[in-house]
N, C-alpha and C. Protein backbone atom coordinates (compact mmCIF):
# COMPACT_ATOMS: atom_id res chain seq x y z
N MET A 1 104.86 156.50 79.96
CA MET A 1 104.39 155.23 79.40
C MET A 1 104.53 154.15 80.45
N LEU A 2 103.51 153.32 80.63
CA LEU A 2 103.50 152.26 81.63
C LEU A 2 103.48 150.92 80.93
N VAL A 3 104.41 150.05 81.30
CA VAL A 3 104.46 148.71 80.74
C VAL A 3 104.40 147.73 81.89
N SER A 4 103.41 146.86 81.90
CA SER A 4 103.24 145.89 82.98
C SER A 4 103.40 144.48 82.43
N THR A 5 104.14 143.64 83.15
CA THR A 5 104.35 142.26 82.73
C THR A 5 103.88 141.33 83.83
N PRO A 6 102.83 140.53 83.60
CA PRO A 6 102.35 139.62 84.64
C PRO A 6 103.37 138.52 84.92
N LEU A 7 103.56 138.18 86.19
CA LEU A 7 104.48 137.13 86.58
C LEU A 7 103.69 136.07 87.34
N ALA A 8 104.27 135.50 88.38
CA ALA A 8 103.58 134.50 89.18
C ALA A 8 102.45 135.16 89.97
N PRO A 9 101.54 134.35 90.53
CA PRO A 9 100.47 134.93 91.35
C PRO A 9 101.03 135.82 92.46
N ARG A 10 100.34 136.94 92.69
CA ARG A 10 100.69 137.90 93.74
C ARG A 10 102.09 138.49 93.52
N THR A 11 102.48 138.55 92.27
CA THR A 11 103.76 139.15 91.88
C THR A 11 103.49 140.09 90.73
N ALA A 12 104.24 141.17 90.66
CA ALA A 12 104.05 142.13 89.57
C ALA A 12 105.36 142.82 89.24
N ARG A 13 105.48 143.21 87.99
CA ARG A 13 106.59 144.03 87.52
C ARG A 13 106.00 145.22 86.77
N VAL A 14 106.35 146.43 87.16
CA VAL A 14 105.83 147.64 86.53
C VAL A 14 106.98 148.58 86.22
N SER A 15 106.98 149.11 85.01
CA SER A 15 107.95 150.13 84.62
C SER A 15 107.22 151.43 84.32
N ARG A 16 107.82 152.53 84.72
CA ARG A 16 107.27 153.86 84.46
C ARG A 16 108.40 154.73 83.92
N ASN A 17 108.19 155.26 82.73
CA ASN A 17 109.21 156.10 82.11
C ASN A 17 108.59 157.43 81.69
N THR A 18 109.13 158.51 82.23
CA THR A 18 108.68 159.85 81.88
C THR A 18 109.90 160.70 81.56
N LEU A 19 109.67 161.95 81.24
CA LEU A 19 110.79 162.86 81.01
C LEU A 19 111.54 163.18 82.30
N GLU A 20 110.93 162.87 83.44
CA GLU A 20 111.54 163.19 84.73
C GLU A 20 112.17 161.99 85.43
N THR A 21 111.58 160.81 85.22
CA THR A 21 112.06 159.62 85.93
C THR A 21 111.94 158.37 85.06
N ARG A 22 112.77 157.38 85.39
CA ARG A 22 112.66 156.03 84.82
C ARG A 22 112.71 155.07 86.00
N ILE A 23 111.64 154.33 86.17
CA ILE A 23 111.49 153.52 87.38
C ILE A 23 111.02 152.12 87.01
N GLU A 24 111.57 151.12 87.68
CA GLU A 24 111.08 149.75 87.58
C GLU A 24 110.90 149.19 88.98
N VAL A 25 109.74 148.58 89.20
CA VAL A 25 109.41 147.98 90.49
C VAL A 25 108.97 146.54 90.26
N VAL A 26 109.51 145.65 91.08
CA VAL A 26 109.08 144.25 91.11
C VAL A 26 108.67 143.92 92.54
N VAL A 27 107.47 143.37 92.71
CA VAL A 27 107.00 142.99 94.05
C VAL A 27 106.54 141.54 94.05
N ASN A 28 106.76 140.91 95.18
CA ASN A 28 106.22 139.58 95.46
C ASN A 28 105.56 139.66 96.84
N LEU A 29 104.24 139.63 96.85
CA LEU A 29 103.51 139.80 98.11
C LEU A 29 103.67 138.61 99.05
N ASP A 30 104.15 137.49 98.53
CA ASP A 30 104.34 136.30 99.35
C ASP A 30 105.83 136.01 99.52
N GLY A 31 106.59 137.05 99.69
CA GLY A 31 108.03 136.92 99.81
C GLY A 31 108.48 136.69 101.24
N SER A 32 109.77 136.98 101.47
CA SER A 32 110.36 136.79 102.79
C SER A 32 110.97 138.07 103.33
N GLY A 33 110.69 139.20 102.65
CA GLY A 33 111.20 140.47 103.13
C GLY A 33 112.50 140.91 102.50
N ARG A 34 112.89 140.27 101.40
CA ARG A 34 114.12 140.66 100.72
C ARG A 34 113.90 141.95 99.93
N ALA A 35 114.91 142.80 99.90
CA ALA A 35 114.81 144.06 99.18
C ALA A 35 116.10 144.35 98.43
N SER A 36 115.95 144.85 97.21
CA SER A 36 117.07 145.34 96.42
C SER A 36 116.65 146.71 95.92
N LEU A 37 117.26 147.76 96.45
CA LEU A 37 116.74 149.11 96.27
C LEU A 37 117.84 150.06 95.79
N ALA A 38 117.52 150.82 94.77
CA ALA A 38 118.47 151.82 94.27
C ALA A 38 117.65 152.96 93.66
N THR A 39 117.12 153.83 94.52
CA THR A 39 116.30 154.94 94.05
C THR A 39 117.11 156.20 93.80
N GLY A 40 118.36 156.22 94.25
CA GLY A 40 119.14 157.44 94.20
C GLY A 40 118.91 158.36 95.39
N VAL A 41 117.97 157.97 96.27
CA VAL A 41 117.65 158.74 97.48
C VAL A 41 117.89 157.79 98.66
N PRO A 42 119.07 157.86 99.29
CA PRO A 42 119.44 156.84 100.27
C PRO A 42 118.46 156.65 101.41
N PHE A 43 117.91 157.74 101.95
CA PHE A 43 116.99 157.56 103.08
C PHE A 43 115.68 156.92 102.62
N LEU A 44 115.24 157.18 101.39
CA LEU A 44 114.07 156.50 100.86
C LEU A 44 114.34 155.01 100.75
N ASP A 45 115.54 154.63 100.28
CA ASP A 45 115.90 153.21 100.23
C ASP A 45 115.78 152.59 101.63
N HIS A 46 116.28 153.29 102.63
CA HIS A 46 116.21 152.79 104.01
C HIS A 46 114.77 152.57 104.44
N LEU A 47 113.89 153.50 104.12
CA LEU A 47 112.49 153.39 104.52
C LEU A 47 111.78 152.26 103.76
N LEU A 48 112.06 152.13 102.47
CA LEU A 48 111.44 151.06 101.69
C LEU A 48 111.91 149.69 102.15
N ASP A 49 113.14 149.62 102.62
CA ASP A 49 113.64 148.36 103.18
C ASP A 49 112.81 147.95 104.39
N GLN A 50 112.35 148.93 105.17
CA GLN A 50 111.49 148.63 106.33
C GLN A 50 110.15 148.04 105.88
N VAL A 51 109.59 148.59 104.80
CA VAL A 51 108.32 148.07 104.27
C VAL A 51 108.48 146.61 103.86
N ALA A 52 109.56 146.32 103.12
CA ALA A 52 109.79 144.95 102.66
C ALA A 52 109.98 144.01 103.84
N ARG A 53 110.86 144.41 104.77
CA ARG A 53 111.21 143.52 105.88
C ARG A 53 110.01 143.24 106.78
N HIS A 54 109.28 144.28 107.13
CA HIS A 54 108.19 144.10 108.07
C HIS A 54 106.89 143.66 107.38
N GLY A 55 106.79 143.90 106.09
CA GLY A 55 105.63 143.43 105.35
C GLY A 55 105.81 142.05 104.76
N LEU A 56 107.02 141.48 104.89
CA LEU A 56 107.36 140.20 104.24
C LEU A 56 107.03 140.24 102.75
N ILE A 57 107.39 141.36 102.15
CA ILE A 57 107.23 141.56 100.71
C ILE A 57 108.61 141.62 100.08
N ASP A 58 108.86 140.81 99.05
CA ASP A 58 110.09 140.95 98.29
C ASP A 58 109.94 142.14 97.36
N LEU A 59 110.93 143.02 97.36
CA LEU A 59 110.79 144.30 96.69
C LEU A 59 112.07 144.66 95.97
N GLU A 60 111.95 144.90 94.67
CA GLU A 60 113.08 145.41 93.88
C GLU A 60 112.65 146.74 93.26
N ILE A 61 113.45 147.76 93.45
CA ILE A 61 113.15 149.07 92.87
C ILE A 61 114.43 149.67 92.30
N ARG A 62 114.36 150.08 91.05
CA ARG A 62 115.44 150.83 90.40
C ARG A 62 114.85 152.13 89.90
N ALA A 63 115.49 153.23 90.21
CA ALA A 63 114.98 154.53 89.79
C ALA A 63 116.12 155.43 89.34
N GLU A 64 115.87 156.14 88.24
CA GLU A 64 116.75 157.21 87.79
C GLU A 64 115.88 158.43 87.61
N GLY A 65 116.23 159.50 88.31
CA GLY A 65 115.39 160.70 88.24
C GLY A 65 116.21 161.97 88.17
N ASP A 66 115.52 163.08 88.05
CA ASP A 66 116.17 164.38 87.90
C ASP A 66 116.59 164.92 89.28
N LEU A 67 117.46 164.17 89.94
CA LEU A 67 117.90 164.54 91.28
C LEU A 67 118.74 165.81 91.28
N HIS A 68 119.21 166.23 90.11
CA HIS A 68 119.94 167.50 90.04
C HIS A 68 119.01 168.69 90.31
N ILE A 69 117.70 168.46 90.15
CA ILE A 69 116.71 169.49 90.51
C ILE A 69 116.39 169.35 91.99
N ASP A 70 115.73 168.25 92.35
CA ASP A 70 115.56 167.82 93.74
C ASP A 70 114.97 166.42 93.70
N ALA A 71 114.61 165.89 94.86
CA ALA A 71 114.16 164.50 94.93
C ALA A 71 112.66 164.35 94.71
N HIS A 72 111.94 165.44 94.47
CA HIS A 72 110.48 165.38 94.45
C HIS A 72 109.95 164.38 93.43
N HIS A 73 110.35 164.53 92.17
CA HIS A 73 109.80 163.66 91.13
C HIS A 73 110.15 162.20 91.39
N THR A 74 111.36 161.93 91.85
CA THR A 74 111.77 160.55 92.10
C THR A 74 110.96 159.93 93.23
N VAL A 75 110.84 160.63 94.35
CA VAL A 75 110.11 160.08 95.49
C VAL A 75 108.64 159.86 95.14
N GLU A 76 108.02 160.84 94.52
CA GLU A 76 106.60 160.71 94.16
C GLU A 76 106.39 159.59 93.15
N ASP A 77 107.26 159.51 92.14
CA ASP A 77 107.07 158.50 91.10
C ASP A 77 107.38 157.10 91.58
N VAL A 78 108.28 156.96 92.54
CA VAL A 78 108.47 155.64 93.16
C VAL A 78 107.19 155.23 93.87
N GLY A 79 106.54 156.16 94.57
CA GLY A 79 105.26 155.86 95.21
C GLY A 79 104.21 155.45 94.19
N ILE A 80 104.13 156.19 93.09
CA ILE A 80 103.15 155.87 92.04
C ILE A 80 103.40 154.48 91.48
N THR A 81 104.64 154.18 91.15
CA THR A 81 104.96 152.89 90.51
C THR A 81 104.79 151.74 91.48
N LEU A 82 105.18 151.92 92.73
CA LEU A 82 104.95 150.89 93.73
C LEU A 82 103.45 150.66 93.92
N GLY A 83 102.66 151.73 93.92
CA GLY A 83 101.21 151.58 94.02
C GLY A 83 100.64 150.78 92.87
N GLN A 84 101.11 151.04 91.66
CA GLN A 84 100.64 150.28 90.49
C GLN A 84 101.02 148.81 90.60
N ALA A 85 102.23 148.55 91.09
CA ALA A 85 102.66 147.16 91.25
C ALA A 85 101.83 146.44 92.32
N LEU A 86 101.54 147.12 93.42
CA LEU A 86 100.71 146.51 94.46
C LEU A 86 99.31 146.20 93.92
N ALA A 87 98.74 147.14 93.18
CA ALA A 87 97.40 146.92 92.63
C ALA A 87 97.38 145.70 91.71
N GLN A 88 98.40 145.58 90.87
CA GLN A 88 98.47 144.45 89.96
C GLN A 88 98.66 143.14 90.71
N ALA A 89 99.53 143.15 91.72
CA ALA A 89 99.82 141.92 92.45
C ALA A 89 98.64 141.47 93.30
N MET A 90 97.85 142.41 93.81
CA MET A 90 96.70 142.04 94.65
C MET A 90 95.60 141.34 93.87
N GLY A 91 95.48 141.64 92.60
CA GLY A 91 94.43 141.03 91.80
C GLY A 91 93.05 141.43 92.27
N ASP A 92 92.11 140.49 92.31
CA ASP A 92 90.73 140.83 92.66
C ASP A 92 90.48 140.83 94.17
N LYS A 93 91.49 140.47 94.96
CA LYS A 93 91.46 140.54 96.43
C LYS A 93 90.51 139.52 97.06
N ARG A 94 90.07 138.55 96.30
CA ARG A 94 89.21 137.51 96.88
C ARG A 94 89.95 136.77 97.99
N GLY A 95 89.27 136.55 99.09
CA GLY A 95 89.81 135.76 100.17
C GLY A 95 90.80 136.47 101.07
N LEU A 96 91.00 137.77 100.87
CA LEU A 96 91.95 138.51 101.69
C LEU A 96 91.27 139.12 102.92
N ARG A 97 92.07 139.42 103.93
CA ARG A 97 91.52 140.05 105.13
C ARG A 97 91.02 141.46 104.84
N ARG A 98 91.63 142.13 103.88
CA ARG A 98 91.27 143.47 103.43
C ARG A 98 91.76 144.58 104.35
N TYR A 99 91.55 144.45 105.65
CA TYR A 99 91.94 145.50 106.60
C TYR A 99 93.20 145.09 107.35
N GLY A 100 94.02 146.08 107.66
CA GLY A 100 95.20 145.82 108.47
C GLY A 100 95.55 147.04 109.29
N HIS A 101 96.19 146.81 110.41
CA HIS A 101 96.59 147.92 111.27
C HIS A 101 97.85 147.55 112.03
N ALA A 102 98.60 148.54 112.46
CA ALA A 102 99.80 148.29 113.25
C ALA A 102 100.19 149.53 114.02
N TYR A 103 100.65 149.32 115.23
CA TYR A 103 101.35 150.33 116.02
C TYR A 103 102.82 149.90 116.06
N VAL A 104 103.72 150.83 115.78
CA VAL A 104 105.15 150.50 115.84
C VAL A 104 105.89 151.60 116.59
N PRO A 105 106.65 151.22 117.62
CA PRO A 105 107.50 152.19 118.32
C PRO A 105 108.94 152.10 117.82
N LEU A 106 109.67 153.16 117.99
CA LEU A 106 111.13 153.16 117.87
C LEU A 106 111.65 154.16 118.89
N ASP A 107 112.17 153.63 119.97
CA ASP A 107 112.59 154.47 121.09
C ASP A 107 111.44 155.38 121.51
N GLU A 108 111.61 156.68 121.38
CA GLU A 108 110.58 157.63 121.85
C GLU A 108 109.43 157.82 120.87
N ALA A 109 109.59 157.36 119.64
CA ALA A 109 108.59 157.60 118.59
C ALA A 109 107.58 156.46 118.52
N LEU A 110 106.36 156.79 118.14
CA LEU A 110 105.29 155.80 118.00
C LEU A 110 104.37 156.23 116.87
N SER A 111 104.11 155.30 115.96
CA SER A 111 103.19 155.58 114.85
C SER A 111 102.15 154.49 114.72
N ARG A 112 101.00 154.90 114.19
CA ARG A 112 99.88 153.99 113.93
C ARG A 112 99.52 154.09 112.45
N VAL A 113 99.33 152.94 111.82
CA VAL A 113 98.92 152.90 110.42
C VAL A 113 97.75 151.94 110.28
N VAL A 114 96.73 152.36 109.56
CA VAL A 114 95.56 151.52 109.27
C VAL A 114 95.34 151.55 107.76
N VAL A 115 95.15 150.36 107.17
CA VAL A 115 94.98 150.26 105.73
C VAL A 115 93.72 149.48 105.41
N ASP A 116 93.07 149.89 104.34
CA ASP A 116 91.89 149.21 103.79
C ASP A 116 92.13 149.04 102.30
N LEU A 117 92.12 147.80 101.83
CA LEU A 117 92.28 147.52 100.39
C LEU A 117 90.94 147.78 99.70
N SER A 118 90.51 149.01 99.77
CA SER A 118 89.13 149.39 99.49
C SER A 118 88.79 149.50 98.01
N GLY A 119 89.80 149.64 97.15
CA GLY A 119 89.53 149.96 95.75
C GLY A 119 89.30 151.44 95.53
N ARG A 120 89.44 152.23 96.60
CA ARG A 120 89.25 153.68 96.51
C ARG A 120 90.48 154.36 97.11
N PRO A 121 91.09 155.30 96.40
CA PRO A 121 92.24 155.98 96.96
C PRO A 121 91.84 156.99 98.02
N GLY A 122 92.48 156.89 99.18
CA GLY A 122 92.23 157.85 100.25
C GLY A 122 93.41 157.89 101.19
N LEU A 123 93.87 159.09 101.50
CA LEU A 123 95.01 159.25 102.40
C LEU A 123 94.67 160.24 103.49
N ASP A 124 94.85 159.81 104.73
CA ASP A 124 94.78 160.72 105.87
C ASP A 124 96.15 160.65 106.55
N TYR A 125 96.90 161.74 106.48
CA TYR A 125 98.31 161.76 106.87
C TYR A 125 98.49 162.82 107.94
N ARG A 126 98.73 162.38 109.15
CA ARG A 126 98.86 163.30 110.28
C ARG A 126 100.22 163.10 110.93
N VAL A 127 101.18 163.83 110.41
CA VAL A 127 102.56 163.72 110.87
C VAL A 127 103.14 165.13 110.97
N GLU A 128 103.63 165.47 112.13
CA GLU A 128 104.31 166.75 112.32
C GLU A 128 105.76 166.46 112.68
N TYR A 129 106.59 166.53 111.67
CA TYR A 129 108.01 166.23 111.89
C TYR A 129 108.67 167.33 112.71
N VAL A 130 109.64 166.93 113.49
CA VAL A 130 110.31 167.90 114.36
C VAL A 130 111.37 168.70 113.61
N ARG A 131 111.70 168.28 112.40
CA ARG A 131 112.58 169.08 111.55
C ARG A 131 112.22 168.86 110.10
N ALA A 132 112.67 169.75 109.24
CA ALA A 132 112.22 169.77 107.85
C ALA A 132 112.97 168.80 106.95
N ARG A 133 114.15 168.35 107.36
CA ARG A 133 114.94 167.47 106.52
C ARG A 133 115.51 166.34 107.35
N ILE A 134 115.61 165.18 106.72
CA ILE A 134 116.30 164.04 107.30
C ILE A 134 117.44 163.73 106.34
N GLY A 135 118.64 164.07 106.74
CA GLY A 135 119.73 164.02 105.78
C GLY A 135 119.46 165.02 104.67
N GLU A 136 119.45 164.53 103.44
CA GLU A 136 119.17 165.40 102.29
C GLU A 136 117.70 165.37 101.87
N LEU A 137 116.88 164.60 102.58
CA LEU A 137 115.49 164.41 102.15
C LEU A 137 114.56 165.40 102.84
N ASP A 138 113.79 166.12 102.05
CA ASP A 138 112.74 167.00 102.54
C ASP A 138 111.58 166.13 103.03
N VAL A 139 111.21 166.26 104.31
CA VAL A 139 110.19 165.37 104.87
C VAL A 139 108.84 165.55 104.19
N ASP A 140 108.57 166.69 103.56
CA ASP A 140 107.31 166.87 102.83
C ASP A 140 107.14 165.82 101.74
N LEU A 141 108.25 165.31 101.22
CA LEU A 141 108.18 164.35 100.12
C LEU A 141 107.65 162.99 100.57
N LEU A 142 107.71 162.71 101.86
CA LEU A 142 107.18 161.42 102.33
C LEU A 142 105.67 161.38 102.19
N ARG A 143 105.01 162.51 102.38
CA ARG A 143 103.58 162.55 102.12
C ARG A 143 103.30 162.36 100.63
N GLU A 144 104.12 162.96 99.78
CA GLU A 144 103.94 162.81 98.33
C GLU A 144 104.11 161.35 97.92
N PHE A 145 105.05 160.65 98.56
CA PHE A 145 105.23 159.23 98.29
C PHE A 145 103.95 158.46 98.59
N PHE A 146 103.39 158.67 99.77
CA PHE A 146 102.19 157.93 100.14
C PHE A 146 100.98 158.35 99.31
N GLN A 147 100.90 159.63 98.94
CA GLN A 147 99.79 160.07 98.09
C GLN A 147 99.84 159.38 96.74
N GLY A 148 101.03 159.33 96.14
CA GLY A 148 101.17 158.62 94.87
C GLY A 148 100.83 157.15 95.00
N LEU A 149 101.26 156.54 96.11
CA LEU A 149 101.00 155.12 96.31
C LEU A 149 99.51 154.83 96.44
N VAL A 150 98.81 155.57 97.30
CA VAL A 150 97.39 155.26 97.50
C VAL A 150 96.58 155.57 96.24
N ASN A 151 96.95 156.60 95.50
CA ASN A 151 96.22 156.93 94.28
C ASN A 151 96.26 155.79 93.28
N HIS A 152 97.38 155.09 93.22
CA HIS A 152 97.55 154.08 92.18
C HIS A 152 97.36 152.65 92.68
N ALA A 153 97.49 152.44 93.98
CA ALA A 153 97.12 151.14 94.54
C ALA A 153 95.63 151.06 94.82
N ALA A 154 94.96 152.22 94.85
CA ALA A 154 93.53 152.30 95.17
C ALA A 154 93.25 151.69 96.53
N ILE A 155 93.97 152.21 97.53
CA ILE A 155 93.74 151.79 98.91
C ILE A 155 93.46 153.01 99.76
N THR A 156 92.84 152.77 100.91
CA THR A 156 92.63 153.82 101.91
C THR A 156 93.69 153.64 102.99
N LEU A 157 94.35 154.73 103.34
CA LEU A 157 95.49 154.64 104.24
C LEU A 157 95.46 155.78 105.24
N HIS A 158 95.50 155.43 106.52
CA HIS A 158 95.59 156.41 107.60
C HIS A 158 96.95 156.25 108.27
N LEU A 159 97.73 157.32 108.30
CA LEU A 159 99.04 157.31 108.93
C LEU A 159 99.08 158.39 109.99
N ASP A 160 99.37 158.00 111.22
CA ASP A 160 99.43 158.94 112.33
C ASP A 160 100.73 158.71 113.10
N ASN A 161 101.54 159.76 113.21
CA ASN A 161 102.65 159.71 114.14
C ASN A 161 102.14 160.25 115.47
N LEU A 162 102.11 159.41 116.48
CA LEU A 162 101.49 159.76 117.75
C LEU A 162 102.45 160.50 118.68
N LYS A 163 103.75 160.22 118.53
CA LYS A 163 104.74 160.92 119.34
C LYS A 163 106.11 160.71 118.73
N GLY A 164 107.03 161.57 119.12
CA GLY A 164 108.40 161.43 118.67
C GLY A 164 109.11 162.76 118.65
N HIS A 165 110.40 162.78 119.00
CA HIS A 165 111.17 164.01 118.91
C HIS A 165 112.44 163.82 118.10
N ASN A 166 112.48 162.74 117.31
CA ASN A 166 113.55 162.49 116.38
C ASN A 166 112.92 162.18 115.02
N ALA A 167 113.18 163.02 114.03
CA ALA A 167 112.49 162.90 112.74
C ALA A 167 112.79 161.57 112.05
N HIS A 168 114.01 161.08 112.17
CA HIS A 168 114.35 159.78 111.60
C HIS A 168 113.47 158.69 112.22
N HIS A 169 113.33 158.71 113.53
CA HIS A 169 112.49 157.73 114.20
C HIS A 169 111.02 157.87 113.79
N GLN A 170 110.54 159.10 113.66
CA GLN A 170 109.16 159.32 113.23
C GLN A 170 108.90 158.67 111.88
N ALA A 171 109.77 158.95 110.93
CA ALA A 171 109.58 158.40 109.58
C ALA A 171 109.71 156.88 109.58
N GLU A 172 110.68 156.36 110.30
CA GLU A 172 110.90 154.92 110.27
C GLU A 172 109.72 154.17 110.89
N THR A 173 109.15 154.70 111.96
CA THR A 173 107.99 154.02 112.54
C THR A 173 106.81 154.02 111.58
N LEU A 174 106.63 155.09 110.80
CA LEU A 174 105.55 155.12 109.82
C LEU A 174 105.71 154.02 108.78
N PHE A 175 106.91 153.87 108.24
CA PHE A 175 107.13 152.90 107.17
C PHE A 175 107.10 151.47 107.70
N LYS A 176 107.64 151.26 108.90
CA LYS A 176 107.54 149.93 109.50
C LYS A 176 106.07 149.56 109.75
N ALA A 177 105.32 150.49 110.30
CA ALA A 177 103.90 150.22 110.58
C ALA A 177 103.12 150.02 109.29
N PHE A 178 103.47 150.76 108.23
CA PHE A 178 102.81 150.55 106.95
C PHE A 178 103.07 149.12 106.45
N GLY A 179 104.31 148.67 106.53
CA GLY A 179 104.61 147.30 106.12
C GLY A 179 103.83 146.28 106.91
N ARG A 180 103.75 146.46 108.23
CA ARG A 180 103.02 145.52 109.08
C ARG A 180 101.52 145.53 108.79
N ALA A 181 100.95 146.72 108.63
CA ALA A 181 99.52 146.82 108.35
C ALA A 181 99.18 146.22 106.98
N LEU A 182 100.03 146.49 106.00
CA LEU A 182 99.81 145.95 104.66
C LEU A 182 99.89 144.43 104.68
N ARG A 183 100.86 143.91 105.41
CA ARG A 183 101.00 142.46 105.54
C ARG A 183 99.73 141.84 106.10
N MET A 184 99.14 142.44 107.12
CA MET A 184 97.91 141.92 107.70
C MET A 184 96.76 141.96 106.69
N ALA A 185 96.62 143.08 106.00
CA ALA A 185 95.51 143.23 105.04
C ALA A 185 95.62 142.25 103.89
N LEU A 186 96.84 141.90 103.49
CA LEU A 186 97.06 141.03 102.34
C LEU A 186 96.99 139.55 102.70
N GLU A 187 96.91 139.23 103.99
CA GLU A 187 96.87 137.83 104.38
C GLU A 187 95.58 137.15 103.93
N PRO A 188 95.67 135.92 103.45
CA PRO A 188 94.44 135.16 103.17
C PRO A 188 93.66 134.91 104.46
N ASP A 189 92.36 135.07 104.36
CA ASP A 189 91.46 134.78 105.48
C ASP A 189 90.77 133.45 105.16
N PRO A 190 91.08 132.39 105.91
CA PRO A 190 90.53 131.07 105.57
C PRO A 190 89.01 131.03 105.58
N ARG A 191 88.37 131.92 106.31
CA ARG A 191 86.91 131.93 106.36
C ARG A 191 86.31 132.70 105.19
N MET A 192 87.19 133.39 104.41
CA MET A 192 86.71 134.17 103.27
C MET A 192 87.21 133.59 101.95
N ALA A 193 87.61 132.32 101.94
CA ALA A 193 88.20 131.71 100.76
C ALA A 193 87.27 131.87 99.55
N GLY A 194 87.80 132.48 98.50
CA GLY A 194 87.03 132.66 97.28
C GLY A 194 86.00 133.76 97.34
N ILE A 195 85.92 134.46 98.46
CA ILE A 195 84.89 135.50 98.65
C ILE A 195 85.55 136.88 98.62
N THR A 196 84.92 137.81 97.93
CA THR A 196 85.39 139.19 97.94
C THR A 196 84.94 139.83 99.26
N PRO A 197 85.87 140.40 100.04
CA PRO A 197 85.50 140.95 101.34
C PRO A 197 84.81 142.30 101.23
N SER A 198 83.65 142.31 100.61
CA SER A 198 82.86 143.54 100.45
C SER A 198 81.42 143.18 100.16
N THR A 199 80.49 143.93 100.74
CA THR A 199 79.07 143.71 100.46
C THR A 199 78.71 144.11 99.03
N LYS A 200 79.60 144.91 98.39
CA LYS A 200 79.34 145.31 97.00
C LYS A 200 79.68 144.19 96.03
N GLY A 201 80.48 143.21 96.47
CA GLY A 201 80.86 142.11 95.60
C GLY A 201 82.12 142.36 94.81
N SER A 202 82.71 143.54 94.95
CA SER A 202 83.97 143.84 94.25
C SER A 202 84.70 144.92 95.01
N LEU A 203 86.03 144.94 94.83
CA LEU A 203 86.88 145.96 95.45
C LEU A 203 87.75 146.57 94.36
């Protein structure tokens, strides 16, 4: 069951409750990068903090999931709920830049992320991690997070890890670059004030 409560402009609160997870997400797209995170998956909290900090998005996430099984449902459902919150906060996208991109390095690792607030879900994810787990987190779940997010935010997202031999660095550069690219796409474009950035007239 999904319950959404409208708040201030470019802000959203979304709750998602299933037999597997209970999640609440609050986003402010015009924030200062503050984050309050408690997903039960510590490395996911670390990565989401990068999105908030580098995207200048205020982000609150609380999650309770069936972690006694594994982290799959929690990680995927956090992506789904965050995607729903982003979609709600973006509104009709009038006057936004729509497209964003970023390259982010961390020591030896380098990732590129390109985002389009297209209104269509699409994920191209090209990451070959050098190991299967980062701490207790299965790296396969990071793709599930982004798949859930793009499906429910209705955005097109290309994520490429271009180099790296430390899996922690690989993942962190992806999330930092995602935050930076999203920040660019969400910025108001003064030359597009009141205009939907699409020849179709809607996104």
